[in-house]
Amino acid sequence: LKILPDKLPPNVIHQAIDKLNEITIVFNENVDNSSSEDPLNYKLRDLNVKNATVTDALQIDRIEHQGKAVIIHTKNMTSQNEEQYSVTMKNISDVHGIFISPNPKVITAVQRIR
């Protein structure tokens, strides 16, 4: 049995906002701790889909890395069920040093707080 080296970039398989001020991003494989916890590798923006008169000026408070998951703890998110937020990620790599593709990568997270 020959194990081939990983040559594929990490892919986002799930994103969610289930709690106020927490954006969870799950990848298909473990991501690198230092690249995934660097706040300079993320840009957050309120897309104003639900309520155009309320624009959240999101700030990153801290980032928590848990293997395949990254939880971005923010400040200034208001409760707007179904509101959408753009998350631009750059220079995030897996544990083998392979970066996301495209780099930067933009995803949309939807607020669904119960």
Protein backbone atom coordinates (compact mmCIF):
# COMPACT_ATOMS: atom_id res chain seq x y z
CA LEU A 1 0.00 0.00 0.00
CA LYS A 2 1.47 3.29 -1.11
CA ILE A 3 0.12 6.50 0.40
CA LEU A 4 0.30 9.42 -1.97
CA PRO A 5 1.07 12.91 -0.67
CA ASP A 6 -1.79 15.38 -0.32
CA LYS A 7 -1.86 17.72 -3.31
CA LEU A 8 -5.40 19.07 -2.97
CA PRO A 9 -6.28 22.38 -1.31
CA PRO A 10 -8.65 22.54 1.64
CA ASN A 11 -12.27 23.18 0.64
CA VAL A 12 -15.05 24.77 2.66
CA ILE A 13 -17.81 22.21 3.21
CA HIS A 14 -19.97 24.15 5.68
CA GLN A 15 -20.40 27.68 6.93
CA ALA A 16 -22.87 28.92 9.51
CA ILE A 17 -23.82 31.67 11.90
CA ASP A 18 -25.74 29.81 14.60
CA LYS A 19 -24.80 32.16 17.44
CA LEU A 20 -24.56 35.93 17.44
CA ASN A 21 -20.98 37.05 16.76
CA GLU A 22 -19.77 33.56 15.74
CA ILE A 23 -19.06 32.59 12.14
CA THR A 24 -18.18 28.90 11.83
CA ILE A 25 -16.32 27.62 8.77
CA VAL A 26 -15.67 23.90 8.33
CA PHE A 27 -13.15 22.53 5.84
CA ASN A 28 -12.90 19.04 4.35
CA GLU A 29 -9.53 18.52 6.06
CA ASN A 30 -7.50 19.89 8.95
CA VAL A 31 -6.19 23.38 8.35
CA ASP A 32 -2.98 24.94 9.59
CA ASN A 33 -3.23 26.56 13.01
CA SER A 34 -1.19 29.69 12.34
CA SER A 35 -2.73 30.55 8.96
CA SER A 36 -6.30 29.85 10.09
CA GLU A 37 -6.00 31.90 13.29
CA ASP A 38 -4.44 34.99 11.67
CA PRO A 39 -7.09 37.75 11.62
CA LEU A 40 -5.29 39.43 8.70
CA ASN A 41 -6.33 36.45 6.56
CA TYR A 42 -10.03 37.34 6.82
CA LYS A 43 -12.26 40.20 5.71
CA LEU A 44 -15.90 40.33 6.85
CA ARG A 45 -18.71 42.34 5.28
CA ASP A 46 -22.45 42.66 5.90
CA LEU A 47 -24.20 42.15 2.55
CA ASN A 48 -27.37 43.96 3.71
CA VAL A 49 -29.69 41.39 2.19
CA LYS A 50 -32.20 41.21 5.04
CA ASN A 51 -32.22 44.82 6.18
CA ALA A 52 -30.44 47.40 4.03
CA THR A 53 -30.82 50.09 6.70
CA VAL A 54 -28.72 48.15 9.26
CA THR A 55 -25.11 47.64 8.24
CA ASP A 56 -23.04 45.69 10.75
CA ALA A 57 -19.47 46.98 11.03
CA LEU A 58 -18.06 43.58 11.93
CA GLN A 59 -14.74 43.37 13.71
CA ILE A 60 -12.82 40.20 14.45
CA ASP A 61 -12.47 39.69 18.19
CA ARG A 62 -10.57 36.38 18.05
CA ILE A 63 -10.32 33.24 15.95
CA GLU A 64 -10.57 29.72 17.30
CA HIS A 65 -9.13 26.76 15.36
CA GLN A 66 -10.44 23.23 15.99
CA GLY A 67 -8.93 20.84 13.42
CA LYS A 68 -11.21 21.18 10.39
CA ALA A 69 -13.23 24.02 11.91
CA VAL A 70 -12.49 27.72 12.28
CA ILE A 71 -14.73 29.87 14.47
CA ILE A 72 -14.45 33.60 13.91
CA HIS A 73 -15.63 35.46 17.00
CA THR A 74 -16.78 38.93 16.02
CA LYS A 75 -17.99 42.17 17.53
CA ASN A 76 -20.87 44.38 16.36
CA MET A 77 -23.11 41.73 14.75
CA THR A 78 -26.79 42.55 15.20
CA SER A 79 -29.53 39.95 15.33
CA GLN A 80 -31.00 39.81 11.80
CA ASN A 81 -32.23 36.31 11.01
CA GLU A 82 -31.29 35.28 7.43
CA GLU A 83 -28.84 38.19 7.03
CA GLN A 84 -25.86 37.32 4.85
CA TYR A 85 -22.21 38.11 5.45
CA SER A 86 -19.33 37.88 3.01
CA VAL A 87 -16.19 36.20 4.36
CA THR A 88 -13.06 36.68 2.27
CA MET A 89 -10.28 34.27 3.25
CA LYS A 90 -6.70 34.37 2.02
CA ASN A 91 -3.54 32.39 2.70
CA ILE A 92 -5.33 29.62 4.61
CA SER A 93 -3.50 26.32 4.17
CA ASP A 94 -3.94 22.73 5.20
CA VAL A 95 -1.44 21.02 7.48
CA HIS A 96 0.69 20.13 4.41
CA GLY A 97 1.07 23.78 3.35
CA ILE A 98 -1.39 23.67 0.44
CA PHE A 99 -3.37 26.91 0.19
CA ILE A 100 -7.08 27.35 -0.48
CA SER A 101 -8.05 27.76 -4.09
CA PRO A 102 -8.84 30.25 -5.31
CA ASN A 103 -6.70 32.37 -3.01
CA PRO A 104 -8.39 34.58 -1.87
CA LYS A 105 -11.68 32.69 -1.58
CA VAL A 106 -15.04 34.37 -0.86
CA ILE A 107 -17.91 32.55 0.85
CA THR A 108 -21.28 33.73 2.17
CA ALA A 109 -22.43 32.86 5.67
CA VAL A 110 -26.10 33.23 6.62
CA GLN A 111 -27.26 34.17 10.12
CA ARG A 112 -29.68 31.54 11.44
CA ILE A 113 -29.84 32.12 15.17
CA ARG A 114 -32.51 30.22 17.04
